[in-house]
Amino acid sequence: MVRKPLFRILFVVWISLIAVLSLIPAPSGVVQVSDKLIHAVVYIITTVICLLSLNRYVPRAVLFAGIGIFLYSFVIELVQYFLPYRSFSVGDLAANITGIVTGVALLGVYHGVVGRHYR
């Protein structure tokens, strides 16, 4: 199926974009939206794209993907700790976890509903 390779490419592009935007200085004069909300939404999208790129949607693969995405977000936060114009935030990590869990739940519901119709 051609869909999986496209989602894999999209996933690599997406996490690269997250890294760049997370590690450059924050732009000034931008309309302020809740930082935690942005983190949660970004990691919902990250999780959904990652899970759609998997060969099989099974609990073990979902668990490893979720852990991998969390570790990625932790490394980004850790690097931010050492940047003078960024900071490490436990709140951001909590928002990232919320996004990851929500993404897994959304795709789980999707697979549960759509999967029943295509068996």
PDB file of N, CA and C in Angstrom:
ATOM      1  N   MET A   1       0.835  -1.171   0.000  1.00  0.00           N
ATOM      2  CA  MET A   1       0.000   0.000   0.000  1.00  0.00           C
ATOM      3  C   MET A   1       0.887   1.244   0.000  1.00  0.00           C
ATOM      4  N   VAL A   2       0.572   2.198  -0.846  1.00  0.00           N
ATOM      5  CA  VAL A   2       1.391   3.395  -1.010  1.00  0.00           C
ATOM      6  C   VAL A   2       1.224   4.363   0.166  1.00  0.00           C
ATOM      7  N   ARG A   3       0.167   4.220   0.927  1.00  0.00           N
ATOM      8  CA  ARG A   3      -0.116   5.139   2.019  1.00  0.00           C
ATOM      9  C   ARG A   3       0.962   5.113   3.100  1.00  0.00           C
ATOM     10  N   LYS A   4       1.450   3.946   3.456  1.00  0.00           N
ATOM     11  CA  LYS A   4       2.424   3.830   4.550  1.00  0.00           C
ATOM     12  C   LYS A   4       3.711   4.605   4.263  1.00  0.00           C
ATOM     13  N   PRO A   5       4.327   4.435   3.081  1.00  0.00           N
ATOM     14  CA  PRO A   5       5.547   5.212   2.815  1.00  0.00           C
ATOM     15  C   PRO A   5       5.305   6.721   2.835  1.00  0.00           C
ATOM     16  N   LEU A   6       4.149   7.155   2.372  1.00  0.00           N
ATOM     17  CA  LEU A   6       3.856   8.589   2.396  1.00  0.00           C
ATOM     18  C   LEU A   6       3.730   9.097   3.830  1.00  0.00           C
ATOM     19  N   PHE A   7       3.095   8.310   4.699  1.00  0.00           N
ATOM     20  CA  PHE A   7       2.996   8.713   6.102  1.00  0.00           C
ATOM     21  C   PHE A   7       4.362   8.680   6.772  1.00  0.00           C
ATOM     22  N   ARG A   8       5.220   7.771   6.368  1.00  0.00           N
ATOM     23  CA  ARG A   8       6.575   7.729   6.946  1.00  0.00           C
ATOM     24  C   ARG A   8       7.363   8.972   6.549  1.00  0.00           C
ATOM     25  N   ILE A   9       7.252   9.359   5.293  1.00  0.00           N
ATOM     26  CA  ILE A   9       7.930  10.577   4.827  1.00  0.00           C
ATOM     27  C   ILE A   9       7.362  11.790   5.560  1.00  0.00           C
ATOM     28  N   LEU A  10       6.039  11.859   5.648  1.00  0.00           N
ATOM     29  CA  LEU A  10       5.390  12.962   6.354  1.00  0.00           C
ATOM     30  C   LEU A  10       5.839  13.005   7.815  1.00  0.00           C
ATOM     31  N   PHE A  11       5.974  11.841   8.443  1.00  0.00           N
ATOM     32  CA  PHE A  11       6.403  11.779   9.840  1.00  0.00           C
ATOM     33  C   PHE A  11       7.809  12.357  10.004  1.00  0.00           C
ATOM     34  N   VAL A  12       8.727  11.980   9.130  1.00  0.00           N
ATOM     35  CA  VAL A  12      10.105  12.490   9.213  1.00  0.00           C
ATOM     36  C   VAL A  12      10.126  14.002   8.996  1.00  0.00           C
ATOM     37  N   VAL A  13       9.378  14.472   8.013  1.00  0.00           N
ATOM     38  CA  VAL A  13       9.311  15.915   7.758  1.00  0.00           C
ATOM     39  C   VAL A  13       8.707  16.631   8.970  1.00  0.00           C
ATOM     40  N   TRP A  14       7.633  16.070   9.521  1.00  0.00           N
ATOM     41  CA  TRP A  14       6.939  16.685  10.656  1.00  0.00           C
ATOM     42  C   TRP A  14       7.838  16.781  11.890  1.00  0.00           C
ATOM     43  N   ILE A  15       8.530  15.687  12.253  1.00  0.00           N
ATOM     44  CA  ILE A  15       9.376  15.755  13.457  1.00  0.00           C
ATOM     45  C   ILE A  15      10.594  16.652  13.226  1.00  0.00           C
ATOM     46  N   SER A  16      11.036  16.750  11.975  1.00  0.00           N
ATOM     47  CA  SER A  16      12.121  17.686  11.665  1.00  0.00           C
ATOM     48  C   SER A  16      11.648  19.121  11.866  1.00  0.00           C
ATOM     49  N   LEU A  17      10.436  19.407  11.423  1.00  0.00           N
ATOM     50  CA  LEU A  17       9.856  20.737  11.603  1.00  0.00           C
ATOM     51  C   LEU A  17       9.694  21.063  13.090  1.00  0.00           C
ATOM     52  N   ILE A  18       9.249  20.085  13.864  1.00  0.00           N
ATOM     53  CA  ILE A  18       9.116  20.289  15.313  1.00  0.00           C
ATOM     54  C   ILE A  18      10.476  20.642  15.915  1.00  0.00           C
ATOM     55  N   ALA A  19      11.514  19.905  15.535  1.00  0.00           N
ATOM     56  CA  ALA A  19      12.852  20.163  16.083  1.00  0.00           C
ATOM     57  C   ALA A  19      13.310  21.579  15.748  1.00  0.00           C
ATOM     58  N   VAL A  20      13.161  21.960  14.494  1.00  0.00           N
ATOM     59  CA  VAL A  20      13.606  23.297  14.083  1.00  0.00           C
ATOM     60  C   VAL A  20      12.841  24.376  14.843  1.00  0.00           C
ATOM     61  N   LEU A  21      11.517  24.274  14.853  1.00  0.00           N
ATOM     62  CA  LEU A  21      10.709  25.303  15.513  1.00  0.00           C
ATOM     63  C   LEU A  21      10.898  25.311  17.026  1.00  0.00           C
ATOM     64  N   SER A  22      11.264  24.176  17.593  1.00  0.00           N
ATOM     65  CA  SER A  22      11.477  24.095  19.041  1.00  0.00           C
ATOM     66  C   SER A  22      12.839  24.616  19.471  1.00  0.00           C
ATOM     67  N   LEU A  23      13.778  24.669  18.538  1.00  0.00           N
ATOM     68  CA  LEU A  23      15.145  25.013  18.918  1.00  0.00           C
ATOM     69  C   LEU A  23      15.604  26.381  18.436  1.00  0.00           C
ATOM     70  N   ILE A  24      14.812  27.030  17.585  1.00  0.00           N
ATOM     71  CA  ILE A  24      15.163  28.392  17.177  1.00  0.00           C
ATOM     72  C   ILE A  24      14.576  29.367  18.199  1.00  0.00           C
ATOM     73  N   PRO A  25      15.092  30.603  18.228  1.00  0.00           N
ATOM     74  CA  PRO A  25      14.494  31.583  19.150  1.00  0.00           C
ATOM     75  C   PRO A  25      13.011  31.786  18.830  1.00  0.00           C
ATOM     76  N   ALA A  26      12.219  31.939  19.872  1.00  0.00           N
ATOM     77  CA  ALA A  26      10.782  32.160  19.683  1.00  0.00           C
ATOM     78  C   ALA A  26      10.573  33.518  19.022  1.00  0.00           C
ATOM     79  N   PRO A  27       9.714  33.570  18.001  1.00  0.00           N
ATOM     80  CA  PRO A  27       9.473  34.855  17.331  1.00  0.00           C
ATOM     81  C   PRO A  27       8.747  35.828  18.265  1.00  0.00           C
ATOM     82  N   SER A  28       9.087  37.091  18.151  1.00  0.00           N
ATOM     83  CA  SER A  28       8.416  38.094  18.980  1.00  0.00           C
ATOM     84  C   SER A  28       7.243  38.685  18.209  1.00  0.00           C
ATOM     85  N   GLY A  29       6.287  39.199  18.929  1.00  0.00           N
ATOM     86  CA  GLY A  29       5.149  39.833  18.287  1.00  0.00           C
ATOM     87  C   GLY A  29       4.113  38.870  17.746  1.00  0.00           C
ATOM     88  N   VAL A  30       4.217  37.605  18.107  1.00  0.00           N
ATOM     89  CA  VAL A  30       3.256  36.606  17.654  1.00  0.00           C
ATOM     90  C   VAL A  30       2.100  36.572  18.649  1.00  0.00           C
ATOM     91  N   VAL A  31       0.889  36.386  18.134  1.00  0.00           N
ATOM     92  CA  VAL A  31      -0.276  36.290  19.007  1.00  0.00           C
ATOM     93  C   VAL A  31      -0.061  35.128  19.971  1.00  0.00           C
ATOM     94  N   GLN A  32      -0.235  35.383  21.248  1.00  0.00           N
ATOM     95  CA  GLN A  32       0.012  34.361  22.260  1.00  0.00           C
ATOM     96  C   GLN A  32      -1.179  33.411  22.394  1.00  0.00           C
ATOM     97  N   VAL A  33      -0.926  32.165  22.161  1.00  0.00           N
ATOM     98  CA  VAL A  33      -1.892  31.100  22.388  1.00  0.00           C
ATOM     99  C   VAL A  33      -1.277  30.247  23.492  1.00  0.00           C
ATOM    100  N   SER A  34      -2.087  29.530  24.214  1.00  0.00           N
ATOM    101  CA  SER A  34      -1.570  28.706  25.296  1.00  0.00           C
ATOM    102  C   SER A  34      -0.452  27.792  24.794  1.00  0.00           C
ATOM    103  N   ASP A  35       0.710  27.959  25.384  1.00  0.00           N
ATOM    104  CA  ASP A  35       1.875  27.142  25.040  1.00  0.00           C
ATOM    105  C   ASP A  35       1.576  25.657  25.234  1.00  0.00           C
ATOM    106  N   LYS A  36       0.878  25.335  26.305  1.00  0.00           N
ATOM    107  CA  LYS A  36       0.572  23.922  26.600  1.00  0.00           C
ATOM    108  C   LYS A  36      -0.411  23.355  25.585  1.00  0.00           C
ATOM    109  N   LEU A  37      -1.371  24.165  25.143  1.00  0.00           N
ATOM    110  CA  LEU A  37      -2.317  23.727  24.120  1.00  0.00           C
ATOM    111  C   LEU A  37      -1.591  23.427  22.811  1.00  0.00           C
ATOM    112  N   ILE A  38      -0.656  24.284  22.458  1.00  0.00           N
ATOM    113  CA  ILE A  38       0.135  24.060  21.236  1.00  0.00           C
ATOM    114  C   ILE A  38       0.914  22.756  21.352  1.00  0.00           C
ATOM    115  N   HIS A  39       1.553  22.534  22.489  1.00  0.00           N
ATOM    116  CA  HIS A  39       2.298  21.288  22.691  1.00  0.00           C
ATOM    117  C   HIS A  39       1.387  20.075  22.535  1.00  0.00           C
ATOM    118  N   ALA A  40       0.228  20.111  23.170  1.00  0.00           N
ATOM    119  CA  ALA A  40      -0.696  18.973  23.103  1.00  0.00           C
ATOM    120  C   ALA A  40      -1.137  18.713  21.666  1.00  0.00           C
ATOM    121  N   VAL A  41      -1.520  19.750  20.941  1.00  0.00           N
ATOM    122  CA  VAL A  41      -1.988  19.581  19.557  1.00  0.00           C
ATOM    123  C   VAL A  41      -0.865  19.067  18.661  1.00  0.00           C
ATOM    124  N   VAL A  42       0.329  19.621  18.815  1.00  0.00           N
ATOM    125  CA  VAL A  42       1.466  19.175  18.000  1.00  0.00           C
ATOM    126  C   VAL A  42       1.741  17.690  18.232  1.00  0.00           C
ATOM    127  N   TYR A  43       1.651  17.238  19.478  1.00  0.00           N
ATOM    128  CA  TYR A  43       1.945  15.830  19.752  1.00  0.00           C
ATOM    129  C   TYR A  43       0.762  14.906  19.469  1.00  0.00           C
ATOM    130  N   ILE A  44      -0.455  15.429  19.405  1.00  0.00           N
ATOM    131  CA  ILE A  44      -1.571  14.636  18.870  1.00  0.00           C
ATOM    132  C   ILE A  44      -1.288  14.346  17.401  1.00  0.00           C
ATOM    133  N   ILE A  45      -0.949  15.387  16.658  1.00  0.00           N
ATOM    134  CA  ILE A  45      -0.659  15.231  15.225  1.00  0.00           C
ATOM    135  C   ILE A  45       0.526  14.295  15.021  1.00  0.00           C
ATOM    136  N   THR A  46       1.586  14.488  15.801  1.00  0.00           N
ATOM    137  CA  THR A  46       2.775  13.637  15.694  1.00  0.00           C
ATOM    138  C   THR A  46       2.416  12.172  15.904  1.00  0.00           C
ATOM    139  N   THR A  47       1.639  11.902  16.931  1.00  0.00           N
ATOM    140  CA  THR A  47       1.260  10.526  17.257  1.00  0.00           C
ATOM    141  C   THR A  47       0.398   9.914  16.168  1.00  0.00           C
ATOM    142  N   VAL A  48      -0.574  10.653  15.679  1.00  0.00           N
ATOM    143  CA  VAL A  48      -1.455  10.131  14.626  1.00  0.00           C
ATOM    144  C   VAL A  48      -0.654   9.822  13.362  1.00  0.00           C
ATOM    145  N   ILE A  49       0.213  10.734  12.950  1.00  0.00           N
ATOM    146  CA  ILE A  49       1.030  10.489  11.753  1.00  0.00           C
ATOM    147  C   ILE A  49       1.916   9.264  11.962  1.00  0.00           C
ATOM    148  N   CYS A  50       2.549   9.174  13.129  1.00  0.00           N
ATOM    149  CA  CYS A  50       3.418   8.030  13.417  1.00  0.00           C
ATOM    150  C   CYS A  50       2.642   6.723  13.359  1.00  0.00           C
ATOM    151  N   LEU A  51       1.495   6.679  14.021  1.00  0.00           N
ATOM    152  CA  LEU A  51       0.724   5.433  14.068  1.00  0.00           C
ATOM    153  C   LEU A  51       0.165   5.061  12.700  1.00  0.00           C
ATOM    154  N   LEU A  52      -0.168   6.045  11.882  1.00  0.00           N
ATOM    155  CA  LEU A  52      -0.648   5.747  10.530  1.00  0.00           C
ATOM    156  C   LEU A  52       0.468   5.197   9.640  1.00  0.00           C
ATOM    157  N   SER A  53       1.713   5.444  10.032  1.00  0.00           N
ATOM    158  CA  SER A  53       2.833   4.935   9.238  1.00  0.00           C
ATOM    159  C   SER A  53       3.239   3.513   9.625  1.00  0.00           C
ATOM    160  N   LEU A  54       2.651   2.982  10.706  1.00  0.00           N
ATOM    161  CA  LEU A  54       2.996   1.626  11.147  1.00  0.00           C
ATOM    162  C   LEU A  54       2.442   0.575  10.192  1.00  0.00           C
ATOM    163  N   ASN A  55       3.164  -0.527  10.074  1.00  0.00           N
ATOM    164  CA  ASN A  55       2.670  -1.636   9.260  1.00  0.00           C
ATOM    165  C   ASN A  55       1.438  -2.277   9.879  1.00  0.00           C
ATOM    166  N   ARG A  56       1.436  -2.378  11.204  1.00  0.00           N
ATOM    167  CA  ARG A  56       0.307  -2.996  11.908  1.00  0.00           C
ATOM    168  C   ARG A  56      -0.027  -2.157  13.123  1.00  0.00           C
ATOM    169  N   TYR A  57      -1.293  -1.984  13.348  1.00  0.00           N
ATOM    170  CA  TYR A  57      -1.750  -1.239  14.521  1.00  0.00           C
ATOM    171  C   TYR A  57      -2.047  -2.241  15.626  1.00  0.00           C
ATOM    172  N   VAL A  58      -1.002  -2.607  16.362  1.00  0.00           N
ATOM    173  CA  VAL A  58      -1.129  -3.572  17.455  1.00  0.00           C
ATOM    174  C   VAL A  58      -0.637  -2.897  18.741  1.00  0.00           C
ATOM    175  N   PRO A  59      -1.132  -3.344  19.886  1.00  0.00           N
ATOM    176  CA  PRO A  59      -0.791  -2.675  21.150  1.00  0.00           C
ATOM    177  C   PRO A  59       0.713  -2.499  21.392  1.00  0.00           C
ATOM    178  N   ARG A  60       1.491  -3.510  21.088  1.00  0.00           N
ATOM    179  CA  ARG A  60       2.936  -3.410  21.344  1.00  0.00           C
ATOM    180  C   ARG A  60       3.573  -2.315  20.481  1.00  0.00           C
ATOM    181  N   ALA A  61       3.198  -2.254  19.208  1.00  0.00           N
ATOM    182  CA  ALA A  61       3.736  -1.225  18.314  1.00  0.00           C
ATOM    183  C   ALA A  61       3.293   0.163  18.758  1.00  0.00           C
ATOM    184  N   VAL A  62       2.046   0.270  19.186  1.00  0.00           N
ATOM    185  CA  VAL A  62       1.520   1.553  19.659  1.00  0.00           C
ATOM    186  C   VAL A  62       2.269   1.994  20.916  1.00  0.00           C
ATOM    187  N   LEU A  63       2.516   1.071  21.827  1.00  0.00           N
ATOM    188  CA  LEU A  63       3.256   1.381  23.050  1.00  0.00           C
ATOM    189  C   LEU A  63       4.661   1.879  22.731  1.00  0.00           C
ATOM    190  N   PHE A  64       5.378   1.151  21.871  1.00  0.00           N
ATOM    191  CA  PHE A  64       6.738   1.559  21.517  1.00  0.00           C
ATOM    192  C   PHE A  64       6.750   2.895  20.782  1.00  0.00           C
ATOM    193  N   ALA A  65       5.772   3.116  19.915  1.00  0.00           N
ATOM    194  CA  ALA A  65       5.683   4.400  19.209  1.00  0.00           C
ATOM    195  C   ALA A  65       5.448   5.529  20.206  1.00  0.00           C
ATOM    196  N   GLY A  66       4.529   5.321  21.142  1.00  0.00           N
ATOM    197  CA  GLY A  66       4.250   6.345  22.152  1.00  0.00           C
ATOM    198  C   GLY A  66       5.462   6.658  23.008  1.00  0.00           C
ATOM    199  N   ILE A  67       6.176   5.620  23.417  1.00  0.00           N
ATOM    200  CA  ILE A  67       7.391   5.820  24.214  1.00  0.00           C
ATOM    201  C   ILE A  67       8.446   6.558  23.391  1.00  0.00           C
ATOM    202  N   GLY A  68       8.597   6.164  22.136  1.00  0.00           N
ATOM    203  CA  GLY A  68       9.568   6.823  21.256  1.00  0.00           C
ATOM    204  C   GLY A  68       9.261   8.300  21.057  1.00  0.00           C
ATOM    205  N   ILE A  69       7.993   8.613  20.854  1.00  0.00           N
ATOM    206  CA  ILE A  69       7.597  10.012  20.674  1.00  0.00           C
ATOM    207  C   ILE A  69       7.839  10.796  21.963  1.00  0.00           C
ATOM    208  N   PHE A  70       7.526  10.190  23.108  1.00  0.00           N
ATOM    209  CA  PHE A  70       7.798  10.870  24.379  1.00  0.00           C
ATOM    210  C   PHE A  70       9.297  11.129  24.542  1.00  0.00           C
ATOM    211  N   LEU A  71      10.131  10.126  24.261  1.00  0.00           N
ATOM    212  CA  LEU A  71      11.580  10.308  24.393  1.00  0.00           C
ATOM    213  C   LEU A  71      12.080  11.413  23.469  1.00  0.00           C
ATOM    214  N   TYR A  72      11.526  11.475  22.263  1.00  0.00           N
ATOM    215  CA  TYR A  72      11.870  12.548  21.323  1.00  0.00           C
ATOM    216  C   TYR A  72      11.530  13.906  21.951  1.00  0.00           C
ATOM    217  N   SER A  73      10.325  14.018  22.516  1.00  0.00           N
ATOM    218  CA  SER A  73       9.920  15.295  23.113  1.00  0.00           C
ATOM    219  C   SER A  73      10.796  15.634  24.323  1.00  0.00           C
ATOM    220  N   PHE A  74      11.207  14.616  25.072  1.00  0.00           N
ATOM    221  CA  PHE A  74      12.080  14.840  26.222  1.00  0.00           C
ATOM    222  C   PHE A  74      13.444  15.361  25.768  1.00  0.00           C
ATOM    223  N   VAL A  75      13.989  14.778  24.708  1.00  0.00           N
ATOM    224  CA  VAL A  75      15.288  15.231  24.186  1.00  0.00           C
ATOM    225  C   VAL A  75      15.190  16.682  23.713  1.00  0.00           C
ATOM    226  N   ILE A  76      14.093  17.027  23.042  1.00  0.00           N
ATOM    227  CA  ILE A  76      13.901  18.414  22.601  1.00  0.00           C
ATOM    228  C   ILE A  76      13.896  19.349  23.822  1.00  0.00           C
ATOM    229  N   GLU A  77      13.165  18.982  24.856  1.00  0.00           N
ATOM    230  CA  GLU A  77      13.126  19.806  26.077  1.00  0.00           C
ATOM    231  C   GLU A  77      14.506  19.885  26.725  1.00  0.00           C
ATOM    232  N   LEU A  78      15.227  18.778  26.733  1.00  0.00           N
ATOM    233  CA  LEU A  78      16.566  18.753  27.324  1.00  0.00           C
ATOM    234  C   LEU A  78      17.516  19.686  26.567  1.00  0.00           C
ATOM    235  N   VAL A  79      17.461  19.657  25.249  1.00  0.00           N
ATOM    236  CA  VAL A  79      18.298  20.559  24.449  1.00  0.00           C
ATOM    237  C   VAL A  79      17.912  22.009  24.740  1.00  0.00           C
ATOM    238  N   GLN A  80      16.618  22.275  24.886  1.00  0.00           N
ATOM    239  CA  GLN A  80      16.170  23.638  25.183  1.00  0.00           C
ATOM    240  C   GLN A  80      16.749  24.143  26.508  1.00  0.00           C
ATOM    241  N   TYR A  81      16.985  23.251  27.432  1.00  0.00           N
ATOM    242  CA  TYR A  81      17.569  23.630  28.721  1.00  0.00           C
ATOM    243  C   TYR A  81      18.922  24.323  28.534  1.00  0.00           C
ATOM    244  N   PHE A  82      19.676  23.880  27.540  1.00  0.00           N
ATOM    245  CA  PHE A  82      21.019  24.408  27.314  1.00  0.00           C
ATOM    246  C   PHE A  82      21.046  25.609  26.373  1.00  0.00           C
ATOM    247  N   LEU A  83      19.905  25.991  25.838  1.00  0.00           N
ATOM    248  CA  LEU A  83      19.843  27.145  24.941  1.00  0.00           C
ATOM    249  C   LEU A  83      19.470  28.394  25.739  1.00  0.00           C
ATOM    250  N   PRO A  84      20.206  29.489  25.539  1.00  0.00           N
ATOM    251  CA  PRO A  84      19.935  30.691  26.339  1.00  0.00           C
ATOM    252  C   PRO A  84      18.565  31.321  26.065  1.00  0.00           C
ATOM    253  N   TYR A  85      18.003  31.061  24.921  1.00  0.00           N
ATOM    254  CA  TYR A  85      16.728  31.679  24.539  1.00  0.00           C
ATOM    255  C   TYR A  85      15.546  30.716  24.665  1.00  0.00           C
ATOM    256  N   ARG A  86      15.771  29.554  25.241  1.00  0.00           N
ATOM    257  CA  ARG A  86      14.709  28.558  25.481  1.00  0.00           C
ATOM    258  C   ARG A  86      14.834  28.045  26.907  1.00  0.00           C
ATOM    259  N   SER A  87      13.852  27.268  27.352  1.00  0.00           N
ATOM    260  CA  SER A  87      13.933  26.710  28.705  1.00  0.00           C
ATOM    261  C   SER A  87      13.268  25.341  28.754  1.00  0.00           C
ATOM    262  N   PHE A  88      13.742  24.527  29.683  1.00  0.00           N
ATOM    263  CA  PHE A  88      13.169  23.212  29.940  1.00  0.00           C
ATOM    264  C   PHE A  88      11.891  23.415  30.740  1.00  0.00           C
ATOM    265  N   SER A  89      10.833  22.671  30.391  1.00  0.00           N
ATOM    266  CA  SER A  89       9.569  22.834  31.107  1.00  0.00           C
ATOM    267  C   SER A  89       8.902  21.482  31.341  1.00  0.00           C
ATOM    268  N   VAL A  90       8.699  21.154  32.605  1.00  0.00           N
ATOM    269  CA  VAL A  90       7.975  19.927  32.948  1.00  0.00           C
ATOM    270  C   VAL A  90       6.532  20.044  32.457  1.00  0.00           C
ATOM    271  N   GLY A  91       5.985  21.253  32.498  1.00  0.00           N
ATOM    272  CA  GLY A  91       4.631  21.484  31.992  1.00  0.00           C
ATOM    273  C   GLY A  91       4.511  21.161  30.512  1.00  0.00           C
ATOM    274  N   ASP A  92       5.542  21.514  29.746  1.00  0.00           N
ATOM    275  CA  ASP A  92       5.543  21.171  28.319  1.00  0.00           C
ATOM    276  C   ASP A  92       5.560  19.659  28.133  1.00  0.00           C
ATOM    277  N   LEU A  93       6.363  18.970  28.944  1.00  0.00           N
ATOM    278  CA  LEU A  93       6.400  17.504  28.856  1.00  0.00           C
ATOM    279  C   LEU A  93       5.040  16.898  29.199  1.00  0.00           C
ATOM    280  N   ALA A  94       4.374  17.455  30.196  1.00  0.00           N
ATOM    281  CA  ALA A  94       3.037  16.965  30.560  1.00  0.00           C
ATOM    282  C   ALA A  94       2.057  17.188  29.411  1.00  0.00           C
ATOM    283  N   ALA A  95       2.148  18.339  28.766  1.00  0.00           N
ATOM    284  CA  ALA A  95       1.282  18.617  27.614  1.00  0.00           C
ATOM    285  C   ALA A  95       1.608  17.669  26.461  1.00  0.00           C
ATOM    286  N   ASN A  96       2.890  17.368  26.271  1.00  0.00           N
ATOM    287  CA  ASN A  96       3.287  16.420  25.224  1.00  0.00           C
ATOM    288  C   ASN A  96       2.690  15.039  25.498  1.00  0.00           C
ATOM    289  N   ILE A  97       2.775  14.592  26.744  1.00  0.00           N
ATOM    290  CA  ILE A  97       2.203  13.290  27.118  1.00  0.00           C
ATOM    291  C   ILE A  97       0.695  13.292  26.886  1.00  0.00           C
ATOM    292  N   THR A  98       0.046  14.381  27.247  1.00  0.00           N
ATOM    293  CA  THR A  98      -1.397  14.501  27.009  1.00  0.00           C
ATOM    294  C   THR A  98      -1.706  14.367  25.523  1.00  0.00           C
ATOM    295  N   GLY A  99      -0.910  15.010  24.689  1.00  0.00           N
ATOM    296  CA  GLY A  99      -1.097  14.916  23.245  1.00  0.00           C
ATOM    297  C   GLY A  99      -0.871  13.508  22.723  1.00  0.00           C
ATOM    298  N   ILE A 100       0.157  12.843  23.224  1.00  0.00           N
ATOM    299  CA  ILE A 100       0.461  11.476  22.790  1.00  0.00           C
ATOM    300  C   ILE A 100      -0.678  10.535  23.159  1.00  0.00           C
ATOM    301  N   VAL A 101      -1.130  10.610  24.398  1.00  0.00           N
ATOM    302  CA  VAL A 101      -2.220   9.735  24.858  1.00  0.00           C
ATOM    303  C   VAL A 101      -3.502  10.028  24.078  1.00  0.00           C
ATOM    304  N   THR A 102      -3.783  11.293  23.838  1.00  0.00           N
ATOM    305  CA  THR A 102      -4.976  11.665  23.069  1.00  0.00           C
ATOM    306  C   THR A 102      -4.883  11.158  21.640  1.00  0.00           C
ATOM    307  N   GLY A 103      -3.713  11.277  21.025  1.00  0.00           N
ATOM    308  CA  GLY A 103      -3.521  10.768  19.665  1.00  0.00           C
ATOM    309  C   GLY A 103      -3.731   9.267  19.582  1.00  0.00           C
ATOM    310  N   VAL A 104      -3.200   8.536  20.555  1.00  0.00           N
ATOM    311  CA  VAL A 104      -3.402   7.079  20.600  1.00  0.00           C
ATOM    312  C   VAL A 104      -4.887   6.767  20.757  1.00  0.00           C
ATOM    313  N   ALA A 105      -5.557   7.490  21.650  1.00  0.00           N
ATOM    314  CA  ALA A 105      -6.988   7.250  21.883  1.00  0.00           C
ATOM    315  C   ALA A 105      -7.812   7.553  20.636  1.00  0.00           C
ATOM    316  N   LEU A 106      -7.529   8.668  19.981  1.00  0.00           N
ATOM    317  CA  LEU A 106      -8.272   9.027  18.769  1.00  0.00           C
ATOM    318  C   LEU A 106      -8.114   7.971  17.687  1.00  0.00           C
ATOM    319  N   LEU A 107      -6.889   7.517  17.483  1.00  0.00           N
ATOM    320  CA  LEU A 107      -6.672   6.501  16.449  1.00  0.00           C
ATOM    321  C   LEU A 107      -7.244   5.161  16.879  1.00  0.00           C
ATOM    322  N   GLY A 108      -7.236   4.879  18.172  1.00  0.00           N
ATOM    323  CA  GLY A 108      -7.858   3.652  18.669  1.00  0.00           C
ATOM    324  C   GLY A 108      -9.348   3.639  18.400  1.00  0.00           C
ATOM    325  N   VAL A 109     -10.003   4.763  18.645  1.00  0.00           N
ATOM    326  CA  VAL A 109     -11.436   4.873  18.355  1.00  0.00           C
ATOM    327  C   VAL A 109     -11.670   4.734  16.856  1.00  0.00           C
ATOM    328  N   TYR A 110     -10.837   5.402  16.062  1.00  0.00           N
ATOM    329  CA  TYR A 110     -10.962   5.315  14.604  1.00  0.00           C
ATOM    330  C   TYR A 110     -10.840   3.867  14.139  1.00  0.00           C
ATOM    331  N   HIS A 111      -9.811   3.180  14.602  1.00  0.00           N
ATOM    332  CA  HIS A 111      -9.624   1.779  14.202  1.00  0.00           C
ATOM    333  C   HIS A 111     -10.763   0.905  14.702  1.00  0.00           C
ATOM    334  N   GLY A 112     -11.289   1.203  15.875  1.00  0.00           N
ATOM    335  CA  GLY A 112     -12.410   0.433  16.405  1.00  0.00           C
ATOM    336  C   GLY A 112     -13.677   0.611  15.594  1.00  0.00           C
ATOM    337  N   VAL A 113     -13.949   1.830  15.168  1.00  0.00           N
ATOM    338  CA  VAL A 113     -15.169   2.117  14.403  1.00  0.00           C
ATOM    339  C   VAL A 113     -15.009   1.706  12.947  1.00  0.00           C
ATOM    340  N   VAL A 114     -13.960   2.176  12.298  1.00  0.00           N
ATOM    341  CA  VAL A 114     -13.754   1.883  10.876  1.00  0.00           C
ATOM    342  C   VAL A 114     -13.378   0.428  10.679  1.00  0.00           C
ATOM    343  N   GLY A 115     -12.568  -0.114  11.594  1.00  0.00           N
ATOM    344  CA  GLY A 115     -12.129  -1.508  11.472  1.00  0.00           C
ATOM    345  C   GLY A 115     -13.281  -2.490  11.459  1.00  0.00           C
ATOM    346  N   ARG A 116     -14.333  -2.197  12.187  1.00  0.00           N
ATOM    347  CA  ARG A 116     -15.504  -3.082  12.206  1.00  0.00           C
ATOM    348  C   ARG A 116     -16.182  -3.148  10.847  1.00  0.00           C
ATOM    349  N   HIS A 117     -16.132  -2.075  10.109  1.00  0.00           N
ATOM    350  CA  HIS A 117     -16.819  -2.024   8.818  1.00  0.00           C
ATOM    351  C   HIS A 117     -16.021  -2.688   7.699  1.00  0.00           C
ATOM    352  N   TYR A 118     -14.728  -2.905   7.917  1.00  0.00           N
ATOM    353  CA  TYR A 118     -13.882  -3.443   6.851  1.00  0.00           C
ATOM    354  C   TYR A 118     -13.341  -4.827   7.150  1.00  0.00           C
ATOM    355  N   ARG A 119     -13.888  -5.530   8.120  1.00  0.00           N
ATOM    356  CA  ARG A 119     -13.407  -6.881   8.442  1.00  0.00           C
ATOM    357  C   ARG A 119     -14.087  -7.903   7.592  1.00  0.00           C
TER     358      ARG A 119
END
